[in-house]
C-alpha cells in the first residue's frame, strides 16, 4: 500500500500525542489484542487512527468536528479511497468510547474475526 512519506513524521507526533479516546482504546483493548494493530498508520495520503493488516481493518475515532457536513463529505471520500485497498473502515464517535466502551470493543472484535475468517476462506 502506498503512502505519502511526508506523513511519517506527523504520524509519529500523533502517536506521542494521542487523544484521550485513542489512548483508552489502545491501552485497554487494542495494544494487547491477539491480532496486531498499528497506531497512526500512513495509508495513501491519510493517517488512520488504528490499522489491523491481517484483517484489513481501519478504526477511526471521531470527535465532534467530524459531524460538520463538509468534514463528513471529506470523511466519506477518505473512506472510499481506503476501501479501494480492500479495507473496511469502522468509525466510532468519542462518546461511544466513553459511554459504551465494551460495545465498541465487541464490534471491533467481531469484525476482526469475521474478516480473518473471510480471508482464510477466500484466500
N, C-alpha and C. Protein backbone atom coordinates (compact mmCIF):
# COMPACT_ATOMS: atom_id res chain seq x y z
N UNK A 1 0.84 -1.18 0.00
CA UNK A 1 0.00 0.00 0.00
C UNK A 1 0.88 1.24 0.00
N UNK A 2 0.59 2.15 -0.89
CA UNK A 2 1.41 3.35 -0.95
C UNK A 2 1.03 4.31 0.19
N UNK A 3 1.98 5.21 0.50
CA UNK A 3 1.69 6.26 1.47
C UNK A 3 2.54 7.48 1.16
N UNK A 4 2.12 8.60 1.66
CA UNK A 4 2.83 9.85 1.47
C UNK A 4 3.95 9.93 2.51
N UNK A 5 5.22 9.91 2.08
CA UNK A 5 6.34 9.91 3.02
C UNK A 5 6.34 11.12 3.97
N UNK A 6 5.75 12.23 3.53
CA UNK A 6 5.69 13.43 4.38
C UNK A 6 4.85 13.18 5.64
N UNK A 7 3.96 12.21 5.59
CA UNK A 7 3.09 11.94 6.73
C UNK A 7 3.77 11.15 7.85
N UNK A 8 4.92 10.52 7.56
CA UNK A 8 5.57 9.67 8.57
C UNK A 8 5.90 10.42 9.85
N UNK A 9 6.50 11.59 9.73
CA UNK A 9 6.86 12.38 10.91
C UNK A 9 5.61 12.83 11.65
N UNK A 10 4.59 13.23 10.91
CA UNK A 10 3.35 13.65 11.53
C UNK A 10 2.69 12.49 12.27
N UNK A 11 2.73 11.30 11.69
CA UNK A 11 2.16 10.11 12.34
C UNK A 11 2.87 9.83 13.66
N UNK A 12 4.20 9.98 13.67
CA UNK A 12 4.96 9.79 14.93
C UNK A 12 4.48 10.75 16.00
N UNK A 13 4.28 12.00 15.61
CA UNK A 13 3.80 13.00 16.56
C UNK A 13 2.41 12.64 17.08
N UNK A 14 1.54 12.17 16.18
CA UNK A 14 0.20 11.78 16.59
C UNK A 14 0.24 10.61 17.58
N UNK A 15 1.17 9.68 17.39
CA UNK A 15 1.31 8.55 18.33
C UNK A 15 1.72 9.05 19.71
N UNK A 16 2.57 10.07 19.73
CA UNK A 16 3.02 10.62 21.02
C UNK A 16 1.93 11.43 21.70
N UNK A 17 1.03 11.98 20.91
CA UNK A 17 0.00 12.89 21.43
C UNK A 17 -1.40 12.38 21.15
N UNK A 18 -1.65 11.14 21.51
CA UNK A 18 -2.98 10.56 21.26
C UNK A 18 -4.06 11.32 22.02
N UNK A 19 -5.26 11.31 21.46
CA UNK A 19 -6.40 11.86 22.19
C UNK A 19 -6.71 10.94 23.36
N UNK A 20 -7.45 11.41 24.35
CA UNK A 20 -7.82 10.53 25.48
C UNK A 20 -8.57 9.28 25.02
N UNK A 21 -9.38 9.41 23.97
CA UNK A 21 -10.17 8.28 23.49
C UNK A 21 -9.29 7.26 22.76
N UNK A 22 -8.35 7.77 21.97
CA UNK A 22 -7.39 6.88 21.32
C UNK A 22 -6.56 6.14 22.36
N UNK A 23 -6.10 6.88 23.36
CA UNK A 23 -5.31 6.28 24.43
C UNK A 23 -6.09 5.17 25.15
N UNK A 24 -7.34 5.45 25.46
CA UNK A 24 -8.18 4.47 26.16
C UNK A 24 -8.34 3.20 25.32
N UNK A 25 -8.71 3.37 24.04
CA UNK A 25 -8.92 2.20 23.18
C UNK A 25 -7.61 1.43 23.00
N UNK A 26 -6.50 2.14 22.84
CA UNK A 26 -5.21 1.48 22.64
C UNK A 26 -4.78 0.69 23.88
N UNK A 27 -4.72 1.35 25.02
CA UNK A 27 -4.15 0.73 26.21
C UNK A 27 -5.08 -0.27 26.89
N UNK A 28 -6.38 -0.08 26.73
CA UNK A 28 -7.31 -1.00 27.39
C UNK A 28 -7.82 -2.11 26.49
N UNK A 29 -7.50 -2.06 25.17
CA UNK A 29 -8.01 -3.10 24.29
C UNK A 29 -7.06 -3.48 23.15
N UNK A 30 -6.73 -2.55 22.28
CA UNK A 30 -6.02 -2.89 21.05
C UNK A 30 -4.56 -3.28 21.25
N UNK A 31 -3.88 -2.68 22.21
CA UNK A 31 -2.44 -2.93 22.42
C UNK A 31 -2.16 -4.41 22.64
N UNK A 32 -2.99 -5.07 23.41
CA UNK A 32 -2.79 -6.48 23.74
C UNK A 32 -3.75 -7.41 23.01
N UNK A 33 -4.41 -6.90 21.98
CA UNK A 33 -5.33 -7.72 21.20
C UNK A 33 -4.52 -8.81 20.49
N UNK A 34 -5.05 -10.03 20.38
CA UNK A 34 -4.28 -11.14 19.79
C UNK A 34 -3.85 -10.94 18.33
N UNK A 35 -4.54 -10.10 17.59
CA UNK A 35 -4.14 -9.77 16.22
C UNK A 35 -3.59 -8.34 16.28
N UNK A 36 -2.43 -8.13 15.70
CA UNK A 36 -1.72 -6.86 15.86
C UNK A 36 -2.42 -5.69 15.19
N UNK A 37 -2.49 -4.60 15.93
CA UNK A 37 -2.96 -3.31 15.43
C UNK A 37 -1.80 -2.32 15.45
N UNK A 38 -1.82 -1.37 14.53
CA UNK A 38 -0.85 -0.28 14.49
C UNK A 38 -1.59 1.02 14.81
N UNK A 39 -0.89 1.93 15.47
CA UNK A 39 -1.46 3.25 15.75
C UNK A 39 -0.97 4.23 14.70
N UNK A 40 -1.85 5.14 14.30
CA UNK A 40 -1.50 6.24 13.39
C UNK A 40 -0.69 5.73 12.20
N UNK A 41 -1.31 4.88 11.42
CA UNK A 41 -0.68 4.25 10.26
C UNK A 41 -0.91 5.09 9.00
N UNK A 42 0.16 5.29 8.23
CA UNK A 42 0.07 6.02 6.97
C UNK A 42 -0.45 5.07 5.88
N UNK A 43 -1.55 5.46 5.26
CA UNK A 43 -2.11 4.71 4.13
C UNK A 43 -2.53 5.74 3.08
N UNK A 44 -1.98 5.60 1.89
CA UNK A 44 -2.19 6.56 0.81
C UNK A 44 -1.78 7.93 1.33
N UNK A 45 -2.65 8.93 1.22
CA UNK A 45 -2.27 10.25 1.73
C UNK A 45 -2.85 10.54 3.11
N UNK A 46 -3.36 9.50 3.74
CA UNK A 46 -4.02 9.64 5.04
C UNK A 46 -3.21 9.00 6.16
N UNK A 47 -3.57 9.38 7.39
CA UNK A 47 -3.07 8.72 8.58
C UNK A 47 -4.31 8.23 9.32
N UNK A 48 -4.44 6.92 9.44
CA UNK A 48 -5.62 6.36 10.11
C UNK A 48 -5.29 6.16 11.59
N UNK A 49 -6.32 6.20 12.43
CA UNK A 49 -6.09 6.07 13.87
C UNK A 49 -5.50 4.71 14.23
N UNK A 50 -6.16 3.64 13.76
CA UNK A 50 -5.70 2.28 14.05
C UNK A 50 -5.86 1.43 12.81
N UNK A 51 -4.91 0.50 12.61
CA UNK A 51 -4.93 -0.34 11.41
C UNK A 51 -4.52 -1.76 11.78
N UNK A 52 -5.30 -2.71 11.32
CA UNK A 52 -5.00 -4.13 11.51
C UNK A 52 -4.79 -4.73 10.12
N UNK A 53 -3.51 -4.99 9.78
CA UNK A 53 -3.18 -5.50 8.46
C UNK A 53 -3.82 -6.86 8.18
N UNK A 54 -3.71 -7.88 9.08
CA UNK A 54 -4.26 -9.20 8.75
C UNK A 54 -5.77 -9.18 8.47
N UNK A 55 -6.50 -8.28 9.15
CA UNK A 55 -7.95 -8.20 8.94
C UNK A 55 -8.32 -7.11 7.94
N UNK A 56 -7.32 -6.37 7.46
CA UNK A 56 -7.57 -5.25 6.54
C UNK A 56 -8.67 -4.34 7.10
N UNK A 57 -8.44 -3.93 8.36
CA UNK A 57 -9.44 -3.16 9.11
C UNK A 57 -8.84 -1.86 9.62
N UNK A 58 -9.56 -0.77 9.40
CA UNK A 58 -9.20 0.55 9.90
C UNK A 58 -10.23 0.95 10.96
N UNK A 59 -9.73 1.48 12.07
CA UNK A 59 -10.60 2.01 13.12
C UNK A 59 -10.36 3.50 13.19
N UNK A 60 -11.42 4.29 13.09
CA UNK A 60 -11.32 5.73 13.21
C UNK A 60 -12.19 6.19 14.38
N UNK A 61 -11.61 7.05 15.22
CA UNK A 61 -12.35 7.66 16.32
C UNK A 61 -12.59 9.12 15.96
N UNK A 62 -13.85 9.52 15.97
CA UNK A 62 -14.22 10.85 15.50
C UNK A 62 -14.71 11.72 16.64
N UNK A 63 -14.14 12.93 16.72
CA UNK A 63 -14.62 13.93 17.66
C UNK A 63 -15.77 14.70 17.06
N UNK A 64 -16.25 15.68 17.78
CA UNK A 64 -17.41 16.46 17.36
C UNK A 64 -17.26 17.15 16.02
N UNK A 65 -16.04 17.55 15.66
CA UNK A 65 -15.80 18.23 14.40
C UNK A 65 -16.11 17.39 13.18
N UNK A 66 -16.16 16.08 13.35
CA UNK A 66 -16.41 15.18 12.22
C UNK A 66 -17.88 15.18 11.78
N UNK A 67 -18.72 15.89 12.50
CA UNK A 67 -20.15 15.87 12.17
C UNK A 67 -20.58 17.15 11.46
N UNK A 68 -19.62 17.97 11.10
CA UNK A 68 -19.86 19.11 10.23
C UNK A 68 -20.06 18.55 8.82
N UNK A 69 -21.02 19.07 8.05
CA UNK A 69 -21.30 18.49 6.72
C UNK A 69 -20.07 18.42 5.80
N UNK A 70 -19.24 19.44 5.80
CA UNK A 70 -18.05 19.43 4.93
C UNK A 70 -17.06 18.36 5.38
N UNK A 71 -16.88 18.21 6.68
CA UNK A 71 -15.97 17.18 7.21
C UNK A 71 -16.54 15.79 6.94
N UNK A 72 -17.84 15.63 7.07
CA UNK A 72 -18.48 14.35 6.77
C UNK A 72 -18.24 13.97 5.31
N UNK A 73 -18.32 14.97 4.41
CA UNK A 73 -18.08 14.71 2.99
C UNK A 73 -16.64 14.25 2.77
N UNK A 74 -15.68 14.94 3.40
CA UNK A 74 -14.27 14.54 3.27
C UNK A 74 -14.02 13.17 3.89
N UNK A 75 -14.66 12.88 5.04
CA UNK A 75 -14.51 11.56 5.65
C UNK A 75 -15.07 10.47 4.73
N UNK A 76 -16.17 10.78 4.05
CA UNK A 76 -16.75 9.81 3.11
C UNK A 76 -15.81 9.53 1.96
N UNK A 77 -15.17 10.56 1.44
CA UNK A 77 -14.21 10.38 0.36
C UNK A 77 -13.01 9.57 0.85
N UNK A 78 -12.53 9.90 2.04
CA UNK A 78 -11.40 9.19 2.64
C UNK A 78 -11.72 7.70 2.79
N UNK A 79 -12.92 7.40 3.27
CA UNK A 79 -13.37 6.01 3.41
C UNK A 79 -13.38 5.32 2.05
N UNK A 80 -13.87 6.00 1.03
CA UNK A 80 -13.91 5.43 -0.32
C UNK A 80 -12.49 5.10 -0.81
N UNK A 81 -11.54 5.99 -0.59
CA UNK A 81 -10.15 5.74 -1.00
C UNK A 81 -9.61 4.51 -0.27
N UNK A 82 -9.83 4.44 1.03
CA UNK A 82 -9.33 3.30 1.82
C UNK A 82 -9.98 1.99 1.39
N UNK A 83 -11.26 2.04 1.05
CA UNK A 83 -11.97 0.83 0.60
C UNK A 83 -11.41 0.32 -0.73
N UNK A 84 -10.84 1.19 -1.53
CA UNK A 84 -10.23 0.76 -2.80
C UNK A 84 -9.05 -0.18 -2.55
N UNK A 85 -8.48 -0.11 -1.37
CA UNK A 85 -7.39 -1.01 -0.98
C UNK A 85 -7.93 -2.30 -0.35
N UNK A 86 -9.24 -2.47 -0.37
CA UNK A 86 -9.83 -3.66 0.24
C UNK A 86 -9.98 -3.54 1.75
N UNK A 87 -9.90 -2.33 2.26
CA UNK A 87 -10.00 -2.13 3.71
C UNK A 87 -11.43 -1.85 4.12
N UNK A 88 -11.75 -2.27 5.31
CA UNK A 88 -13.04 -1.95 5.93
C UNK A 88 -12.75 -0.85 6.95
N UNK A 89 -13.55 0.19 6.96
CA UNK A 89 -13.38 1.30 7.90
C UNK A 89 -14.53 1.28 8.89
N UNK A 90 -14.17 1.18 10.17
CA UNK A 90 -15.16 1.31 11.25
C UNK A 90 -14.94 2.66 11.92
N UNK A 91 -16.02 3.42 12.05
CA UNK A 91 -15.94 4.73 12.69
C UNK A 91 -16.76 4.70 13.99
N UNK A 92 -16.16 5.25 15.03
CA UNK A 92 -16.84 5.40 16.31
C UNK A 92 -16.66 6.84 16.77
N UNK A 93 -17.69 7.40 17.37
CA UNK A 93 -17.51 8.74 17.93
C UNK A 93 -16.88 8.59 19.32
N UNK A 94 -16.21 9.64 19.75
CA UNK A 94 -15.55 9.62 21.04
C UNK A 94 -16.52 9.30 22.17
N UNK A 95 -17.75 9.76 22.03
CA UNK A 95 -18.78 9.50 23.03
C UNK A 95 -19.03 7.99 23.18
N UNK A 96 -18.97 7.24 22.07
CA UNK A 96 -19.12 5.79 22.13
C UNK A 96 -18.03 5.17 23.00
N UNK A 97 -16.80 5.66 22.84
CA UNK A 97 -15.68 5.13 23.62
C UNK A 97 -15.89 5.44 25.10
N UNK A 98 -16.43 6.62 25.40
CA UNK A 98 -16.70 6.99 26.80
C UNK A 98 -17.84 6.20 27.40
N UNK A 99 -18.95 6.11 26.68
CA UNK A 99 -20.18 5.58 27.27
C UNK A 99 -20.47 4.12 26.97
N UNK A 100 -19.84 3.58 25.92
CA UNK A 100 -20.13 2.19 25.54
C UNK A 100 -18.85 1.49 25.11
N UNK A 101 -17.84 1.57 25.96
CA UNK A 101 -16.52 1.02 25.62
C UNK A 101 -16.61 -0.47 25.31
N UNK A 102 -17.33 -1.21 26.12
CA UNK A 102 -17.46 -2.65 25.89
C UNK A 102 -18.11 -2.91 24.53
N UNK A 103 -19.11 -2.14 24.16
CA UNK A 103 -19.78 -2.31 22.87
C UNK A 103 -18.84 -2.02 21.71
N UNK A 104 -18.03 -0.97 21.82
CA UNK A 104 -17.05 -0.63 20.79
C UNK A 104 -16.07 -1.79 20.61
N UNK A 105 -15.54 -2.29 21.73
CA UNK A 105 -14.58 -3.40 21.68
C UNK A 105 -15.20 -4.65 21.08
N UNK A 106 -16.45 -4.90 21.40
CA UNK A 106 -17.16 -6.07 20.87
C UNK A 106 -17.30 -5.97 19.35
N UNK A 107 -17.70 -4.80 18.86
CA UNK A 107 -17.85 -4.61 17.41
C UNK A 107 -16.51 -4.83 16.71
N UNK A 108 -15.44 -4.26 17.26
CA UNK A 108 -14.11 -4.42 16.67
C UNK A 108 -13.71 -5.89 16.66
N UNK A 109 -13.87 -6.56 17.78
CA UNK A 109 -13.51 -7.98 17.89
C UNK A 109 -14.27 -8.84 16.88
N UNK A 110 -15.58 -8.62 16.79
CA UNK A 110 -16.40 -9.40 15.84
C UNK A 110 -15.98 -9.13 14.39
N UNK A 111 -15.66 -7.88 14.08
CA UNK A 111 -15.27 -7.54 12.70
C UNK A 111 -13.91 -8.14 12.36
N UNK A 112 -12.96 -8.09 13.29
CA UNK A 112 -11.65 -8.71 13.04
C UNK A 112 -11.84 -10.20 12.78
N UNK A 113 -12.59 -10.88 13.62
CA UNK A 113 -12.79 -12.32 13.47
C UNK A 113 -13.49 -12.64 12.15
N UNK A 114 -14.51 -11.86 11.80
CA UNK A 114 -15.24 -12.10 10.55
C UNK A 114 -14.32 -11.91 9.35
N UNK A 115 -13.55 -10.85 9.35
CA UNK A 115 -12.67 -10.57 8.21
C UNK A 115 -11.53 -11.57 8.11
N UNK A 116 -11.03 -12.04 9.24
CA UNK A 116 -9.97 -13.05 9.24
C UNK A 116 -10.52 -14.37 8.68
N UNK A 117 -11.72 -14.75 9.09
CA UNK A 117 -12.34 -15.96 8.57
C UNK A 117 -12.57 -15.85 7.06
N UNK A 118 -13.06 -14.68 6.61
CA UNK A 118 -13.29 -14.48 5.17
C UNK A 118 -11.99 -14.62 4.39
N UNK A 119 -10.91 -14.07 4.94
CA UNK A 119 -9.60 -14.16 4.28
C UNK A 119 -9.15 -15.60 4.17
N UNK A 120 -9.30 -16.35 5.23
CA UNK A 120 -8.91 -17.75 5.22
C UNK A 120 -9.76 -18.56 4.23
N UNK A 121 -11.05 -18.24 4.20
CA UNK A 121 -11.97 -18.97 3.33
C UNK A 121 -11.75 -18.66 1.86
N UNK A 122 -11.48 -17.38 1.55
CA UNK A 122 -11.40 -16.96 0.15
C UNK A 122 -9.99 -16.64 -0.32
N UNK A 123 -9.02 -16.79 0.56
CA UNK A 123 -7.62 -16.54 0.16
C UNK A 123 -7.40 -15.12 0.06
